[in-house]
């Protein structure tokens, strides 16, 4: 099929493009390079060097003979969005193109407003393009497990059946997101469900857990195909940060007591999940939700796993939690949909940690340790960034 990947220059968008291209699909990517711009703003960058998008695309063609199309522009521009959809005529649109960092959205008013405008307006333009050009296009939208918050009940797969005053209904699972970024994902979900209900479009909402890892079989073929490896306190994920701290001989910085439980998923499983969602589309008018994660671990368990695998002695340090969140809470998530479609998950193991340690050691000279210190405080309306 023809698959258009929005945010195709990003951490997950790029390896997904390669994975789907190798699977035989006709792939094109869209990006405005905002993520690269955040690096300049924050004064940091990917631990693993990443090539310009056009270099990546040429390298993939040289290695495989397969073409990946490219459009450069901003989804908040409705005319551009409509042009791309009309021109490429996709069967499926995979939507990664959003500001994805909770800390970035909590810096101050400017960053919160930017995050919500960029994310919500961009998605609305995509929905209108689908509805007006071809309502049969399947939208596969990346959401986040963080949109659920920490409810004191089991987290169902998007929907929940409730009984209230003797009557029953099936409704979207209630959300208590933990940042303005996560709130933007909640707004997206409601907008997409509404579009499915009134226009009859088809959509799959993937509520993804924290992704760890840096390589897929495709990106590992050539350094020019590498994807990002973020480690800073704003865009870096917690497990990647722990691995880098371990390699540098620094304490693993756990926020609070480390009892916060999170759903996690390895990057190879992420690209496989996207393939399964694309190749098994939702029905017309269906708003389908998958909880895209493979296991649950507390932050402390992640730190202890890294400490056990690292050949050198590793210490763990507890920092005051800059986020407003429950540190001990119930967390039981239903995530059976993608398994039923055929996902065979890679669970966190010593082997996976060891592979990350090897990558980290190769590029350890590029680390800026001060970038891992949290500077954004959820309790303040404005948190000046000093990286």
Protein backbone atom coordinates (compact mmCIF):
# COMPACT_ATOMS: atom_id res chain seq x y z
CA UNK A 1 0.00 0.00 0.00
CA UNK A 2 0.98 3.67 -0.16
CA UNK A 3 1.87 4.95 3.31
CA UNK A 4 2.50 8.61 4.16
CA UNK A 5 4.51 9.11 7.35
CA UNK A 6 4.09 12.47 9.04
CA UNK A 7 7.13 13.33 11.16
CA UNK A 8 9.24 10.94 9.10
CA UNK A 9 12.55 12.57 10.10
CA UNK A 10 12.03 11.84 13.81
CA UNK A 11 13.20 9.27 16.34
CA UNK A 12 10.39 6.84 15.50
CA UNK A 13 9.17 8.18 12.17
CA UNK A 14 12.44 7.48 10.36
CA UNK A 15 12.92 3.84 11.42
CA UNK A 16 9.21 3.24 10.77
CA UNK A 17 9.66 4.56 7.21
CA UNK A 18 12.57 2.16 6.64
CA UNK A 19 10.72 -0.78 8.18
CA UNK A 20 7.61 -0.23 6.05
CA UNK A 21 9.68 0.38 2.91
CA UNK A 22 11.51 -2.91 3.40
CA UNK A 23 8.16 -4.62 3.98
CA UNK A 24 7.27 -3.66 0.41
CA UNK A 25 5.12 -0.57 0.89
CA UNK A 26 5.41 2.66 -1.13
CA UNK A 27 6.50 5.18 1.51
CA UNK A 28 6.78 8.96 1.61
CA UNK A 29 7.70 11.11 4.59
CA UNK A 30 6.67 14.61 5.66
CA UNK A 31 8.60 16.82 8.08
CA UNK A 32 9.24 20.46 8.92
CA UNK A 33 12.46 19.68 10.87
CA UNK A 34 11.06 21.24 14.05
CA UNK A 35 12.65 18.47 16.12
CA UNK A 36 16.09 19.43 14.83
CA UNK A 37 15.22 23.02 15.71
CA UNK A 38 14.54 22.06 19.32
CA UNK A 39 18.13 20.86 19.55
CA UNK A 40 19.37 24.33 18.64
CA UNK A 41 16.97 25.93 21.10
CA UNK A 42 17.95 23.62 23.96
CA UNK A 43 21.65 23.57 23.20
CA UNK A 44 21.78 19.79 23.06
CA UNK A 45 21.37 17.01 20.51
CA UNK A 46 21.22 13.31 19.74
CA UNK A 47 24.01 11.24 21.25
CA UNK A 48 24.29 9.34 17.96
CA UNK A 49 24.93 11.72 15.03
CA UNK A 50 22.06 11.84 12.54
CA UNK A 51 22.37 12.78 8.90
CA UNK A 52 20.13 15.28 7.05
CA UNK A 53 16.93 13.70 5.79
CA UNK A 54 17.93 13.81 2.12
CA UNK A 55 21.22 12.04 2.92
CA UNK A 56 19.28 9.35 4.77
CA UNK A 57 16.89 8.88 1.86
CA UNK A 58 19.73 8.63 -0.69
CA UNK A 59 21.59 6.15 1.51
CA UNK A 60 18.51 3.92 1.76
CA UNK A 61 18.12 3.98 -2.02
CA UNK A 62 21.81 3.16 -2.53
CA UNK A 63 21.61 0.20 -0.15
CA UNK A 64 18.24 -1.23 -1.17
CA UNK A 65 17.14 0.29 -4.46
CA UNK A 66 13.96 1.44 -2.74
CA UNK A 67 12.70 5.01 -3.00
CA UNK A 68 11.22 7.03 -0.15
CA UNK A 69 9.36 10.18 -1.18
CA UNK A 70 9.78 13.44 0.71
CA UNK A 71 7.66 16.51 1.41
CA UNK A 72 8.91 19.42 3.53
CA UNK A 73 6.33 21.59 5.25
CA UNK A 74 4.17 22.23 8.30
CA UNK A 75 0.90 20.44 9.08
CA UNK A 76 -0.50 23.56 10.73
CA UNK A 77 -0.60 24.91 7.15
CA UNK A 78 -3.89 23.47 5.88
CA UNK A 79 -3.10 24.10 2.20
CA UNK A 80 0.22 22.29 2.45
CA UNK A 81 -1.41 19.36 4.25
CA UNK A 82 -4.14 19.06 1.61
CA UNK A 83 -1.56 19.31 -1.19
CA UNK A 84 0.51 16.43 0.20
CA UNK A 85 -2.50 14.13 0.65
CA UNK A 86 -3.83 14.93 -2.83
CA UNK A 87 -0.40 14.51 -4.43
CA UNK A 88 0.70 11.25 -2.79
CA UNK A 89 -2.78 9.65 -2.59
CA UNK A 90 -1.98 7.46 0.43
CA UNK A 91 -3.92 4.43 1.57
CA UNK A 92 -2.65 5.02 5.10
CA UNK A 93 -1.33 8.05 6.97
CA UNK A 94 0.94 7.40 9.95
CA UNK A 95 1.01 10.47 12.16
CA UNK A 96 4.12 11.05 14.31
CA UNK A 97 4.39 14.78 13.58
CA UNK A 98 3.92 16.32 17.01
CA UNK A 99 5.99 17.96 19.73
CA UNK A 100 6.50 14.90 21.91
CA UNK A 101 8.14 15.99 25.17
CA UNK A 102 6.19 16.59 28.37
CA UNK A 103 8.96 18.74 29.94
CA UNK A 104 9.15 20.94 26.84
CA UNK A 105 5.43 21.64 27.10
CA UNK A 106 5.81 22.63 30.76
CA UNK A 107 8.63 25.17 30.36
CA UNK A 108 6.31 28.20 30.25
CA UNK A 109 3.22 29.61 28.55
CA UNK A 110 4.94 29.96 25.19
CA UNK A 111 5.97 26.31 25.06
CA UNK A 112 2.59 25.06 26.31
CA UNK A 113 0.70 27.08 23.71
CA UNK A 114 3.09 26.05 20.94
CA UNK A 115 2.73 22.38 21.86
CA UNK A 116 -1.05 22.43 21.80
CA UNK A 117 -1.35 24.54 18.65
CA UNK A 118 1.22 22.47 16.78
CA UNK A 119 -0.23 19.13 17.85
CA UNK A 120 -3.98 19.76 17.86
CA UNK A 121 -4.20 22.05 14.81
CA UNK A 122 -1.89 19.83 12.77
CA UNK A 123 -4.06 16.80 13.51
CA UNK A 124 -7.25 18.71 12.70
CA UNK A 125 -5.80 19.66 9.30
CA UNK A 126 -4.97 16.01 8.65
CA UNK A 127 -8.52 14.97 9.59
CA UNK A 128 -10.04 17.53 7.24
CA UNK A 129 -7.70 16.49 4.42
CA UNK A 130 -8.80 12.87 4.82
CA UNK A 131 -12.48 13.75 5.02
CA UNK A 132 -12.38 16.05 2.00
CA UNK A 133 -10.00 14.10 -0.27
CA UNK A 134 -10.56 10.42 0.52
CA UNK A 135 -12.46 9.29 3.65
CA UNK A 136 -11.23 5.74 3.06
CA UNK A 137 -7.68 6.68 4.09
CA UNK A 138 -6.73 4.92 7.32
CA UNK A 139 -5.21 7.28 9.91
CA UNK A 140 -2.74 5.63 12.29
CA UNK A 141 -2.06 8.18 15.02
CA UNK A 142 0.63 7.92 17.69
CA UNK A 143 -0.75 8.69 21.12
CA UNK A 144 0.74 8.07 24.55
CA UNK A 145 0.07 5.92 27.60
CA UNK A 146 0.72 9.07 29.64
CA UNK A 147 -2.67 10.39 28.60
CA UNK A 148 -4.31 7.94 31.00
CA UNK A 149 -2.46 9.21 34.07
CA UNK A 150 -2.50 6.90 37.10
CA UNK A 151 -6.14 5.85 37.59
CA UNK A 152 -7.03 3.61 40.52
CA UNK A 153 -8.68 1.13 38.14
CA UNK A 154 -7.32 -1.10 35.38
CA UNK A 155 -6.60 0.78 32.14
CA UNK A 156 -8.67 -0.65 29.32
CA UNK A 157 -7.74 -0.46 25.65
CA UNK A 158 -9.20 2.95 24.85
CA UNK A 159 -12.83 2.26 25.72
CA UNK A 160 -14.65 1.31 28.92
CA UNK A 161 -18.15 0.06 29.63
CA UNK A 162 -19.77 1.84 32.56
CA UNK A 163 -22.99 1.54 34.51
CA UNK A 164 -24.44 4.67 36.05
CA UNK A 165 -27.80 4.89 37.82
CA UNK A 166 -28.98 1.67 36.25
CA UNK A 167 -27.95 2.50 32.67
CA UNK A 168 -24.95 1.24 30.70
CA UNK A 169 -22.83 2.79 27.98
CA UNK A 170 -19.47 2.36 26.22
CA UNK A 171 -17.34 5.50 26.43
CA UNK A 172 -13.75 6.56 25.90
CA UNK A 173 -11.64 5.66 28.92
CA UNK A 174 -11.37 8.71 31.24
CA UNK A 175 -8.03 10.50 31.01
CA UNK A 176 -6.01 12.41 33.62
CA UNK A 177 -2.93 13.50 31.66
CA UNK A 178 0.19 14.73 33.38
CA UNK A 179 1.33 17.64 31.19
CA UNK A 180 0.16 20.05 28.52
CA UNK A 181 1.80 17.73 26.00
CA UNK A 182 -0.24 14.77 27.23
CA UNK A 183 -3.34 16.96 27.19
CA UNK A 184 -2.74 17.65 23.49
CA UNK A 185 -2.85 13.91 22.87
CA UNK A 186 -6.18 13.69 24.71
CA UNK A 187 -7.58 16.49 22.54
CA UNK A 188 -6.32 14.62 19.47
CA UNK A 189 -8.06 11.42 20.51
CA UNK A 190 -11.39 13.14 21.05
CA UNK A 191 -11.10 15.01 17.74
CA UNK A 192 -10.26 11.81 15.86
CA UNK A 193 -13.08 9.84 17.48
CA UNK A 194 -15.48 12.66 16.57
CA UNK A 195 -14.28 12.61 12.95
CA UNK A 196 -14.79 8.84 12.78
CA UNK A 197 -18.29 9.21 14.19
CA UNK A 198 -19.49 12.07 11.95
CA UNK A 199 -17.51 11.56 8.72
CA UNK A 200 -17.09 7.80 8.79
CA UNK A 201 -13.30 7.89 8.48
CA UNK A 202 -11.20 5.03 9.86
CA UNK A 203 -8.56 5.56 12.54
CA UNK A 204 -6.26 3.68 14.90
CA UNK A 205 -5.04 5.48 18.01
CA UNK A 206 -1.82 3.96 19.37
CA UNK A 207 -1.29 4.83 23.03
CA UNK A 208 2.41 4.13 23.22
CA UNK A 209 4.50 3.48 26.28
CA UNK A 210 8.01 4.83 26.81
CA UNK A 211 10.24 3.72 23.93
CA UNK A 212 13.79 2.59 24.56
CA UNK A 213 16.55 1.50 22.24
CA UNK A 214 18.18 3.09 19.22
CA UNK A 215 18.56 0.47 16.49
CA UNK A 216 16.30 -1.53 14.22
CA UNK A 217 17.58 -4.05 11.66
CA UNK A 218 17.23 -1.34 8.99
CA UNK A 219 18.96 1.56 10.80
CA UNK A 220 21.83 -0.72 11.87
CA UNK A 221 22.91 -1.31 8.26
CA UNK A 222 24.72 1.99 7.81
CA UNK A 223 25.64 4.91 10.07
CA UNK A 224 23.85 7.22 7.64
CA UNK A 225 20.56 5.52 8.52
CA UNK A 226 20.88 6.01 12.28
CA UNK A 227 17.98 7.43 14.24
CA UNK A 228 18.09 9.70 17.26
CA UNK A 229 19.35 8.77 20.73
CA UNK A 230 18.11 11.48 23.08
CA UNK A 231 19.38 11.62 26.64
CA UNK A 232 18.75 15.13 27.99
CA UNK A 233 16.24 15.88 30.75
CA UNK A 234 13.73 17.40 28.33
CA UNK A 235 13.61 14.99 25.36
CA UNK A 236 15.52 11.97 26.65
CA UNK A 237 13.66 8.89 27.84
CA UNK A 238 14.39 7.55 31.28
CA UNK A 239 15.94 4.20 30.36
CA UNK A 240 18.26 5.74 27.76
CA UNK A 241 19.35 8.31 30.34
CA UNK A 242 20.14 5.60 32.89
CA UNK A 243 22.32 3.74 30.37
CA UNK A 244 24.31 6.88 29.55
CA UNK A 245 24.79 7.73 33.22
CA UNK A 246 26.00 4.20 33.88
CA UNK A 247 28.56 4.37 31.07
CA UNK A 248 29.88 7.72 32.33
CA UNK A 249 30.11 6.46 35.91
CA UNK A 250 27.45 8.91 37.08
CA UNK A 251 24.67 8.07 39.55
CA UNK A 252 21.41 7.01 37.95
CA UNK A 253 19.04 9.87 38.74
CA UNK A 254 15.66 8.56 39.88
CA UNK A 255 12.92 11.16 40.37
CA UNK A 256 11.30 10.78 43.78
CA UNK A 257 11.17 7.29 45.22
CA UNK A 258 11.06 5.66 41.79
CA UNK A 259 7.78 3.89 42.42
CA UNK A 260 6.16 5.41 39.33
CA UNK A 261 5.16 2.53 37.02
CA UNK A 262 5.29 3.03 33.28
CA UNK A 263 4.46 1.00 30.22
CA UNK A 264 7.54 0.51 28.05
CA UNK A 265 8.28 -0.82 24.55
CA UNK A 266 11.45 -1.50 22.58
CA UNK A 267 11.98 0.39 19.32
CA UNK A 268 11.89 -2.76 17.17
CA UNK A 269 8.46 -3.52 18.56
CA UNK A 270 7.29 0.03 17.86
CA UNK A 271 7.99 -0.26 14.12
CA UNK A 272 6.41 -3.73 14.04
CA UNK A 273 3.29 -2.38 15.78
CA UNK A 274 3.00 0.34 13.15
CA UNK A 275 3.25 -2.28 10.39
CA UNK A 276 0.53 -4.41 12.02
CA UNK A 277 -1.78 -1.41 12.42
CA UNK A 278 -1.27 -0.36 8.78
CA UNK A 279 -1.72 -3.80 7.30
CA UNK A 280 -4.84 -4.52 9.41
CA UNK A 281 -6.81 -1.25 9.07
CA UNK A 282 -9.73 -0.15 11.19
CA UNK A 283 -13.20 -0.40 9.67
CA UNK A 284 -14.91 2.64 8.16
CA UNK A 285 -16.28 4.76 10.97
CA UNK A 286 -14.22 2.90 13.60
CA UNK A 287 -12.06 4.64 16.19
CA UNK A 288 -9.81 1.77 17.23
CA UNK A 289 -7.42 2.06 20.18
CA UNK A 290 -4.39 -0.08 20.98
CA UNK A 291 -2.26 0.32 24.09
CA UNK A 292 1.14 0.00 22.44
CA UNK A 293 3.39 -1.36 25.17
CA UNK A 294 4.91 -4.72 26.01
CA UNK A 295 5.51 -4.61 29.77
CA UNK A 296 5.25 -2.43 32.88
CA UNK A 297 8.16 -1.51 35.13
CA UNK A 298 8.70 1.06 37.85
CA UNK A 299 11.36 3.69 37.32
CA UNK A 300 13.31 2.09 40.17
CA UNK A 301 13.13 -1.32 38.50
CA UNK A 302 14.52 0.19 35.30
CA UNK A 303 17.41 1.72 37.24
CA UNK A 304 18.12 -1.56 39.03
CA UNK A 305 18.11 -3.46 35.71
CA UNK A 306 20.71 -1.13 34.22
CA UNK A 307 22.81 -1.26 37.39
CA UNK A 308 22.79 -5.07 37.35
CA UNK A 309 23.85 -5.36 33.72
CA UNK A 310 26.53 -2.65 33.71
CA UNK A 311 30.00 -4.22 34.24
CA UNK A 312 31.11 -1.32 36.43
CA UNK A 313 29.68 -0.42 39.83
CA UNK A 314 26.63 1.81 39.50
CA UNK A 315 24.97 3.91 42.18
CA UNK A 316 21.41 5.22 42.27
CA UNK A 317 20.58 8.74 43.43
CA UNK A 318 17.11 10.05 44.24
CA UNK A 319 16.24 13.59 43.12
CA UNK A 320 13.25 15.70 44.10
CA UNK A 321 10.57 14.87 41.55
CA UNK A 322 10.07 17.88 39.24
CA UNK A 323 6.76 16.42 38.04
CA UNK A 324 3.41 16.36 39.79
CA UNK A 325 2.53 12.66 39.84
CA UNK A 326 1.70 9.81 42.16
CA UNK A 327 4.84 7.92 43.04
CA UNK A 328 3.04 4.79 44.24
CA UNK A 329 -0.07 3.85 42.34
CA UNK A 330 -2.13 1.07 40.79
CA UNK A 331 -1.07 0.28 37.22
CA UNK A 332 -2.57 -2.59 35.28
CA UNK A 333 -2.95 -2.07 31.55
CA UNK A 334 -4.84 -4.13 28.98
CA UNK A 335 -2.66 -4.36 25.86
CA UNK A 336 -3.88 -7.39 23.95
CA UNK A 337 -4.92 -5.88 20.60
CA UNK A 338 -1.52 -5.81 18.93
CA UNK A 339 -0.57 -9.19 20.38
CA UNK A 340 -3.68 -10.63 18.76
CA UNK A 341 -2.54 -9.15 15.41
CA UNK A 342 0.76 -11.00 15.71
CA UNK A 343 3.20 -8.88 17.73
CA UNK A 344 5.99 -10.97 19.26
CA UNK A 345 7.47 -8.57 21.81
CA UNK A 346 11.08 -8.04 22.79
CA UNK A 347 10.96 -7.65 26.57
CA UNK A 348 13.60 -5.69 28.45
CA UNK A 349 16.56 -8.02 28.91
CA UNK A 350 20.22 -7.97 29.78
CA UNK A 351 21.02 -8.43 26.07
CA UNK A 352 19.09 -5.30 25.07
CA UNK A 353 20.75 -3.24 27.81
CA UNK A 354 24.15 -4.55 26.75
CA UNK A 355 23.54 -3.45 23.14
CA UNK A 356 22.63 0.04 24.36
CA UNK A 357 25.80 0.12 26.46
CA UNK A 358 27.88 -0.64 23.35
CA UNK A 359 26.25 2.18 21.36
CA UNK A 360 26.63 4.58 24.27
CA UNK A 361 30.32 3.80 24.78
CA UNK A 362 30.98 4.47 21.09
CA UNK A 363 29.57 8.00 21.35
CA UNK A 364 30.22 8.78 25.02
CA UNK A 365 32.49 11.67 24.05
CA UNK A 366 29.40 13.53 22.74
CA UNK A 367 27.54 13.52 26.08
CA UNK A 368 26.93 16.79 27.91
CA UNK A 369 26.32 15.56 31.49
CA UNK A 370 24.72 18.85 32.56
CA UNK A 371 21.97 18.30 30.00
CA UNK A 372 20.63 15.41 32.09
CA UNK A 373 19.90 17.61 35.11
CA UNK A 374 16.14 18.38 35.28
CA UNK A 375 15.44 22.10 35.02
CA UNK A 376 11.71 22.18 34.23
CA UNK A 377 9.54 22.28 37.37
CA UNK A 378 5.87 21.34 36.92
CA UNK A 379 4.94 23.41 39.99
CA UNK A 380 6.10 26.66 38.40
CA UNK A 381 4.32 28.37 35.54
CA UNK A 382 7.69 29.34 34.11
CA UNK A 383 10.89 27.29 34.35
CA UNK A 384 13.85 28.94 32.58
CA UNK A 385 15.91 26.31 30.77
CA UNK A 386 19.63 26.45 31.47
CA UNK A 387 21.33 23.74 29.48
